[in-house]
C-alpha atoms as a PDB file:
ATOM      1  CA  MET A   1      83.205 127.212 124.134  1.00  0.00           C
ATOM      2  CA  ARG A   2      85.411 123.359 122.748  1.00  0.00           C
ATOM      3  CA  ALA A   3      83.548 121.033 122.930  1.00  0.00           C
ATOM      4  CA  LYS A   4      84.426 118.012 125.127  1.00  0.00           C
ATOM      5  CA  SER A   5      85.829 115.952 122.400  1.00  0.00           C
ATOM      6  CA  ASP A   6      87.873 118.287 120.776  1.00  0.00           C
ATOM      7  CA  ARG A   7      89.378 119.029 124.268  1.00  0.00           C
ATOM      8  CA  ILE A   8      90.535 115.068 124.077  1.00  0.00           C
ATOM      9  CA  PHE A   9      91.716 114.599 121.020  1.00  0.00           C
ATOM     10  CA  LEU A  10      93.958 118.437 121.553  1.00  0.00           C
ATOM     11  CA  ILE A  11      95.253 116.275 123.720  1.00  0.00           C
ATOM     12  CA  LEU A  12      96.216 113.252 121.612  1.00  0.00           C
ATOM     13  CA  PHE A  13      97.050 115.671 119.181  1.00  0.00           C
ATOM     14  CA  LEU A  14     100.284 117.367 121.896  1.00  0.00           C
ATOM     15  CA  ALA A  15     101.025 113.984 123.239  1.00  0.00           C
ATOM     16  CA  TYR A  16     100.324 112.241 118.925  1.00  0.00           C
ATOM     17  CA  LEU A  17     103.638 115.159 118.392  1.00  0.00           C
ATOM     18  CA  GLY A  18     105.557 114.994 121.360  1.00  0.00           C
ATOM     19  CA  MET A  19     106.005 111.083 120.250  1.00  0.00           C
ATOM     20  CA  VAL A  20     107.022 112.225 116.510  1.00  0.00           C
ATOM     21  CA  VAL A  21     109.339 114.416 118.326  1.00  0.00           C
ATOM     22  CA  TRP A  22     111.077 111.710 119.759  1.00  0.00           C
ATOM     23  CA  CYS A  23     110.472 109.019 116.802  1.00  0.00           C
ATOM     24  CA  CYS A  24     112.951 111.687 114.617  1.00  0.00           C
ATOM     25  CA  PHE A  25     114.852 112.903 116.722  1.00  0.00           C
ATOM     26  CA  GLY A  26     115.296 109.486 119.519  1.00  0.00           C
ATOM     27  CA  HIS A  27     118.482 107.563 119.439  1.00  0.00           C
ATOM     28  CA  PHE A  28     117.383 104.359 118.441  1.00  0.00           C
ATOM     29  CA  ASP A  29     120.736 102.290 118.237  1.00  0.00           C
ATOM     30  CA  SER A  30     119.957 100.066 120.440  1.00  0.00           C
ATOM     31  CA  LEU A  31     117.519  98.956 118.496  1.00  0.00           C
ATOM     32  CA  PRO A  32     117.692  95.155 116.454  1.00  0.00           C
ATOM     33  CA  LYS A  33     117.946  95.667 113.313  1.00  0.00           C
ATOM     34  CA  VAL A  34     114.661  94.733 111.499  1.00  0.00           C
ATOM     35  CA  GLN A  35     113.894  93.988 107.670  1.00  0.00           C
ATOM     36  CA  LYS A  36     115.328  96.368 104.727  1.00  0.00           C
ATOM     37  CA  ASP A  37     111.845  95.733 103.093  1.00  0.00           C
ATOM     38  CA  LEU A  38     108.507  95.836 102.901  1.00  0.00           C
ATOM     39  CA  PHE A  39     106.352  94.382  99.607  1.00  0.00           C
ATOM     40  CA  GLY A  40     109.491  95.681  98.307  1.00  0.00           C
ATOM     41  CA  ILE A  41     109.138  99.694 100.565  1.00  0.00           C
ATOM     42  CA  PRO A  42     112.025 100.609 102.887  1.00  0.00           C
ATOM     43  CA  THR A  43     110.857 100.277 105.777  1.00  0.00           C
ATOM     44  CA  ASP A  44     111.787 103.531 106.941  1.00  0.00           C
ATOM     45  CA  LYS A  45     109.657 105.163 104.299  1.00  0.00           C
ATOM     46  CA  VAL A  46     106.537 103.070 105.684  1.00  0.00           C
ATOM     47  CA  VAL A  47     107.583 104.401 108.710  1.00  0.00           C
ATOM     48  CA  HIS A  48     107.264 108.059 107.211  1.00  0.00           C
ATOM     49  CA  PHE A  49     104.231 107.289 106.485  1.00  0.00           C
ATOM     50  CA  VAL A  50     102.896 105.597 108.969  1.00  0.00           C
ATOM     51  CA  MET A  51     103.435 108.826 111.618  1.00  0.00           C
ATOM     52  CA  PHE A  52     102.862 111.540 109.888  1.00  0.00           C
ATOM     53  CA  LEU A  53      99.568 109.794 108.935  1.00  0.00           C
ATOM     54  CA  PRO A  54      97.174 110.659 111.506  1.00  0.00           C
ATOM     55  CA  PHE A  55      98.386 114.697 111.061  1.00  0.00           C
ATOM     56  CA  VAL A  56      96.102 116.311 109.386  1.00  0.00           C
ATOM     57  CA  PHE A  57      93.404 113.551 111.229  1.00  0.00           C
ATOM     58  CA  LEU A  58      93.873 114.792 114.740  1.00  0.00           C
ATOM     59  CA  PHE A  59      94.781 118.717 114.523  1.00  0.00           C
ATOM     60  CA  TYR A  60      91.620 119.156 112.074  1.00  0.00           C
ATOM     61  CA  MET A  61      89.196 117.043 115.203  1.00  0.00           C
ATOM     62  CA  SER A  62      91.251 118.914 117.510  1.00  0.00           C
ATOM     63  CA  PHE A  63      89.685 121.949 116.586  1.00  0.00           C
ATOM     64  CA  ALA A  64      85.866 120.190 114.739  1.00  0.00           C
ATOM     65  CA  SER A  65      83.359 122.241 116.700  1.00  0.00           C
ATOM     66  CA  LEU A  66      84.525 125.457 114.990  1.00  0.00           C
ATOM     67  CA  PRO A  67      83.485 125.271 111.339  1.00  0.00           C
ATOM     68  CA  ARG A  68      79.831 125.864 110.826  1.00  0.00           C
ATOM     69  CA  ARG A  69      80.494 126.428 107.516  1.00  0.00           C
ATOM     70  CA  ARG A  70      81.747 123.976 104.755  1.00  0.00           C
ATOM     71  CA  ALA A  71      84.318 126.505 103.286  1.00  0.00           C
ATOM     72  CA  GLN A  72      84.538 126.793 106.952  1.00  0.00           C
ATOM     73  CA  ALA A  73      86.210 122.940 107.435  1.00  0.00           C
ATOM     74  CA  LEU A  74      88.246 122.379 104.034  1.00  0.00           C
ATOM     75  CA  LEU A  75      89.647 126.348 104.705  1.00  0.00           C
ATOM     76  CA  LEU A  76      90.928 124.029 108.009  1.00  0.00           C
ATOM     77  CA  ALA A  77      91.349 120.791 106.840  1.00  0.00           C
ATOM     78  CA  PHE A  78      94.017 122.248 103.909  1.00  0.00           C
ATOM     79  CA  GLY A  79      95.891 124.422 107.595  1.00  0.00           C
ATOM     80  CA  ALA A  80      96.326 121.025 109.001  1.00  0.00           C
ATOM     81  CA  LEU A  81      97.959 119.579 106.070  1.00  0.00           C
ATOM     82  CA  ALA A  82     100.391 123.015 105.717  1.00  0.00           C
ATOM     83  CA  ALA A  83     101.161 122.534 109.385  1.00  0.00           C
ATOM     84  CA  GLY A  84     101.903 118.991 108.526  1.00  0.00           C
ATOM     85  CA  ALA A  85     103.868 119.307 105.496  1.00  0.00           C
ATOM     86  CA  LEU A  86     106.170 122.489 108.059  1.00  0.00           C
ATOM     87  CA  MET A  87     105.810 120.042 110.186  1.00  0.00           C
ATOM     88  CA  ALA A  88     107.148 117.076 107.811  1.00  0.00           C
ATOM     89  CA  VAL A  89     109.994 119.739 106.682  1.00  0.00           C
ATOM     90  CA  ALA A  90     111.282 120.522 109.779  1.00  0.00           C
ATOM     91  CA  THR A  91     112.057 117.641 110.933  1.00  0.00           C
ATOM     92  CA  GLU A  92     113.765 116.576 107.583  1.00  0.00           C
ATOM     93  CA  LEU A  93     116.394 119.768 108.615  1.00  0.00           C
ATOM     94  CA  GLY A  94     116.179 119.422 112.375  1.00  0.00           C
ATOM     95  CA  GLN A  95     117.493 115.679 111.731  1.00  0.00           C
ATOM     96  CA  SER A  96     120.127 116.863 108.979  1.00  0.00           C
ATOM     97  CA  LEU A  97     121.309 119.546 112.050  1.00  0.00           C
ATOM     98  CA  THR A  98     121.868 116.499 114.304  1.00  0.00           C
ATOM     99  CA  THR A  99     125.772 114.154 113.847  1.00  0.00           C
ATOM    100  CA  TYR A 100     123.153 110.600 113.984  1.00  0.00           C
ATOM    101  CA  ARG A 101     120.787 111.594 111.946  1.00  0.00           C
ATOM    102  CA  SER A 102     119.795 112.876 108.586  1.00  0.00           C
ATOM    103  CA  GLY A 103     117.711 113.910 106.326  1.00  0.00           C
ATOM    104  CA  ASP A 104     116.745 112.683 103.084  1.00  0.00           C
ATOM    105  CA  ALA A 105     114.123 113.737 100.863  1.00  0.00           C
ATOM    106  CA  TRP A 106     112.083 110.307 100.358  1.00  0.00           C
ATOM    107  CA  ASP A 107     111.739 110.838 104.085  1.00  0.00           C
ATOM    108  CA  PHE A 108     109.496 113.980 103.091  1.00  0.00           C
ATOM    109  CA  ALA A 109     107.860 112.165 100.566  1.00  0.00           C
ATOM    110  CA  ALA A 110     106.241 109.657 102.753  1.00  0.00           C
ATOM    111  CA  ASP A 111     105.037 111.851 105.599  1.00  0.00           C
ATOM    112  CA  ALA A 112     103.523 114.035 102.940  1.00  0.00           C
ATOM    113  CA  ALA A 113     102.022 110.279 101.692  1.00  0.00           C
ATOM    114  CA  GLY A 114     100.760 109.942 104.911  1.00  0.00           C
ATOM    115  CA  LEU A 115      99.685 113.655 105.736  1.00  0.00           C
ATOM    116  CA  GLY A 116      98.056 113.484 101.896  1.00  0.00           C
ATOM    117  CA  VAL A 117      95.588 109.372 102.252  1.00  0.00           C
ATOM    118  CA  ALA A 118      94.981 111.501 106.365  1.00  0.00           C
ATOM    119  CA  LEU A 119      93.473 114.981 103.651  1.00  0.00           C
ATOM    120  CA  VAL A 120      91.782 112.237 101.272  1.00  0.00           C
ATOM    121  CA  CYS A 121      89.423 110.886 105.128  1.00  0.00           C
ATOM    122  CA  VAL A 122      89.055 114.316 106.666  1.00  0.00           C
ATOM    123  CA  LEU A 123      87.427 115.850 103.175  1.00  0.00           C
ATOM    124  CA  ILE A 124      85.005 112.349 103.184  1.00  0.00           C
ATOM    125  CA  ILE A 125      84.435 113.318 106.434  1.00  0.00           C
ATOM    126  CA  ILE A 126      83.537 116.657 105.765  1.00  0.00           C
ATOM    127  CA  PHE A 127      81.593 116.234 102.773  1.00  0.00           C
ATOM    128  CA  THR A 128      79.870 114.153 104.490  1.00  0.00           C
ATOM    129  CA  ASN A 129      78.619 115.960 107.883  1.00  0.00           C
ATOM    130  CA  LYS A 130      75.184 117.244 107.432  1.00  0.00           C
ATOM    131  CA  ARG A 131      76.027 120.049 110.126  1.00  0.00           C
ATOM    132  CA  LEU A 132      78.672 122.263 107.255  1.00  0.00           C
ATOM    133  CA  SER A 133      76.893 124.144 105.490  1.00  0.00           C
END
């Protein structure tokens, strides 16, 4: 039986996925222009980093009550990382097929950086969780 918190996180995760798809494929020509960089980092790369930062955490927390052993929790965490990487690749490939967006390997790198930071946070949760054996 799924914990109530798992269901809440699953709903949040699905809403988050919808927002990522909207952000990646929406038409934003009418938005005001923003500064081109933030502390020397291109603004769109910062957006990609922040956009993929919650992925691993929300995915993991959607199924957090399932693992009973640390090895299972680690498998779930790295599965979340793999799913996030696939999502990042899919969005970049999908954007390259549109006439109004473009795919960019550096966007994927920013996505991957966000996923990696999130994985480190989830690993801290796993290794400090006393419930896991």
